[in-house]
Amino acid sequence: MRRLAAVVIVGLAFAAQASAGIAVDAVTPHSVRVGDSLRIKVSAGLRLWQPIPLYLVPSSRALRPKPCRRDQAICEPKVLGPPTAATGYVHIATISFRKLKSQVVTVTIPRIAPGRYEVAFYCGVCYRGPGGSLISTPTQAFKVVR
């Protein structure tokens, strides 16, 4: 009985962590040109006090999650700070989850090369200590065309 209770408690802890994450839920339209508007639906499982910067990144340059512990947990990439243009990430907006846990942000596509892109965000509070995580969503990729 104690073992079952421990399994339930651990399961609830993992569910709470999963629901607390930040996500890019939708990106429309799926094909845009420089100067067009892009609608990005984002959400967070809880209210965050720190502003969250959004970026566009070519899919080929986006950092990906990888195993991070012996138990084969998957962790988002940890970086020393917000990305720079030199890394291929282009800052497009800063959002806040202080009042709303879900929102739609409309941005104008800046001058970037044609290709497949993803929306990424930097979360400074997602890791303890200096730095944070850099999270992109390949399932919500879109194309920039000429």
Protein backbone atom coordinates (compact mmCIF):
# COMPACT_ATOMS: atom_id res chain seq x y z
CA MET A 1 0.00 0.00 0.00
CA ARG A 2 2.84 2.41 0.84
CA ARG A 3 4.48 1.62 -2.48
CA LEU A 4 1.27 2.46 -4.37
CA ALA A 5 0.98 5.74 -2.48
CA ALA A 6 4.60 6.60 -3.36
CA VAL A 7 3.95 5.86 -7.05
CA VAL A 8 0.85 8.07 -7.04
CA ILE A 9 2.73 10.94 -5.36
CA VAL A 10 5.61 10.70 -7.84
CA GLY A 11 3.12 10.59 -10.73
CA LEU A 12 1.34 13.69 -9.47
CA ALA A 13 4.66 15.52 -9.12
CA PHE A 14 5.58 14.73 -12.74
CA ALA A 15 2.12 15.80 -13.93
CA ALA A 16 2.48 19.11 -12.08
CA GLN A 17 5.89 19.73 -13.65
CA ALA A 18 4.61 18.90 -17.15
CA SER A 19 1.63 21.25 -16.83
CA ALA A 20 3.90 24.04 -15.57
CA GLY A 21 5.88 24.20 -18.81
CA ILE A 22 5.74 26.91 -21.44
CA ALA A 23 4.56 25.87 -24.89
CA VAL A 24 4.02 27.20 -28.38
CA ASP A 25 0.55 25.79 -29.07
CA ALA A 26 -0.03 27.04 -32.63
CA VAL A 27 1.57 29.15 -35.34
CA THR A 28 -0.47 30.53 -38.27
CA PRO A 29 -0.23 30.83 -41.16
CA HIS A 30 2.15 28.02 -42.08
CA SER A 31 3.75 29.99 -44.91
CA VAL A 32 4.71 33.70 -44.71
CA ARG A 33 6.80 36.34 -46.44
CA VAL A 34 9.00 39.02 -44.89
CA GLY A 35 6.65 41.74 -43.63
CA ASP A 36 3.67 39.40 -43.14
CA SER A 37 2.01 38.86 -39.77
CA LEU A 38 2.49 35.63 -37.85
CA ARG A 39 0.09 34.64 -35.06
CA ILE A 40 1.65 32.62 -32.24
CA LYS A 41 -0.47 31.01 -29.52
CA VAL A 42 1.58 30.43 -26.35
CA SER A 43 0.68 29.06 -22.95
CA ALA A 44 2.18 28.31 -19.56
CA GLY A 45 0.98 25.89 -16.93
CA LEU A 46 1.35 28.55 -14.25
CA ARG A 47 1.83 32.27 -13.94
CA LEU A 48 5.42 33.42 -14.34
CA TRP A 49 6.74 36.76 -13.08
CA GLN A 50 9.74 36.90 -15.41
CA PRO A 51 9.20 38.22 -18.98
CA ILE A 52 9.76 35.54 -21.63
CA PRO A 53 11.52 36.58 -24.86
CA LEU A 54 10.37 34.94 -28.12
CA TYR A 55 12.66 34.25 -31.07
CA LEU A 56 12.56 32.92 -34.61
CA VAL A 57 15.21 30.34 -35.42
CA PRO A 58 15.90 28.29 -38.54
CA SER A 59 14.85 24.70 -37.79
CA SER A 60 18.34 23.51 -38.72
CA ARG A 61 19.89 25.68 -35.96
CA ALA A 62 17.36 25.08 -33.18
CA LEU A 63 18.72 23.40 -30.07
CA ARG A 64 16.95 20.14 -29.16
CA PRO A 65 16.14 18.36 -25.88
CA LYS A 66 18.43 15.49 -24.90
CA PRO A 67 18.84 12.93 -22.12
CA CYS A 68 20.11 14.73 -19.04
CA ARG A 69 20.20 12.25 -16.17
CA ARG A 70 20.87 8.59 -15.56
CA ASP A 71 17.12 7.87 -15.45
CA GLN A 72 16.98 8.95 -19.14
CA ALA A 73 14.88 12.04 -18.39
CA ILE A 74 14.76 14.45 -21.32
CA CYS A 75 15.75 18.05 -20.59
CA GLU A 76 15.51 21.22 -22.64
CA PRO A 77 18.86 22.73 -23.64
CA LYS A 78 20.48 24.81 -20.90
CA VAL A 79 22.23 27.95 -22.11
CA LEU A 80 24.17 30.68 -20.29
CA GLY A 81 21.72 33.42 -21.24
CA PRO A 82 19.34 34.66 -23.92
CA PRO A 83 20.52 33.87 -27.45
CA THR A 84 22.05 36.44 -29.77
CA ALA A 85 21.64 37.06 -33.48
CA ALA A 86 25.05 35.42 -33.97
CA THR A 87 23.52 32.08 -32.92
CA GLY A 88 20.76 32.39 -35.55
CA TYR A 89 18.01 33.38 -33.10
CA VAL A 90 16.11 36.58 -33.99
CA HIS A 91 14.24 38.31 -31.15
CA ILE A 92 10.63 39.06 -32.18
CA ALA A 93 8.70 39.77 -28.95
CA THR A 94 8.66 39.55 -25.18
CA ILE A 95 5.61 38.09 -23.47
CA SER A 96 4.34 37.96 -19.93
CA PHE A 97 2.44 35.21 -18.14
CA ARG A 98 1.77 37.34 -15.02
CA LYS A 99 -1.95 37.75 -15.72
CA LEU A 100 -2.80 35.29 -18.49
CA LYS A 101 -1.60 31.70 -18.82
CA SER A 102 -2.55 31.58 -22.52
CA GLN A 103 -2.33 34.27 -25.19
CA VAL A 104 -1.93 34.98 -28.88
CA VAL A 105 0.91 37.23 -30.00
CA THR A 106 1.00 38.73 -33.49
CA VAL A 107 4.43 39.62 -34.87
CA THR A 108 5.72 40.94 -38.19
CA ILE A 109 8.22 38.68 -39.95
CA PRO A 110 11.57 40.53 -40.00
CA ARG A 111 14.12 40.36 -42.82
CA ILE A 112 15.22 36.74 -42.61
CA ALA A 113 16.28 34.23 -45.23
CA PRO A 114 13.66 31.93 -46.76
CA GLY A 115 13.41 28.52 -45.12
CA ARG A 116 11.79 26.50 -42.36
CA TYR A 117 11.60 28.29 -38.99
CA GLU A 118 10.44 27.63 -35.45
CA VAL A 119 9.38 29.88 -32.62
CA ALA A 120 11.66 29.54 -29.59
CA PHE A 121 11.69 31.12 -26.17
CA TYR A 122 14.25 31.66 -23.47
CA CYS A 123 13.15 30.75 -19.95
CA GLY A 124 15.56 32.06 -17.31
CA VAL A 125 13.53 30.60 -14.43
CA CYS A 126 13.35 27.11 -15.93
CA TYR A 127 16.74 26.10 -14.49
CA ARG A 128 18.32 26.85 -11.13
CA GLY A 129 21.38 29.04 -11.11
CA PRO A 130 22.71 31.17 -13.94
CA GLY A 131 21.33 30.76 -17.44
CA GLY A 132 18.08 29.15 -18.47
CA SER A 133 16.52 26.92 -21.09
CA LEU A 134 16.07 27.61 -24.77
CA ILE A 135 12.98 25.83 -26.02
CA SER A 136 11.68 25.52 -29.58
CA THR A 137 8.71 23.65 -30.97
CA PRO A 138 9.44 21.76 -34.20
CA THR A 139 5.83 20.55 -34.46
CA GLN A 140 4.79 24.20 -34.98
CA ALA A 141 7.37 25.01 -37.69
CA PHE A 142 6.44 27.31 -40.57
CA LYS A 143 8.03 28.43 -43.85
CA VAL A 144 9.31 31.82 -44.86
CA VAL A 145 9.06 32.15 -48.65
CA ARG A 146 10.23 34.83 -51.09
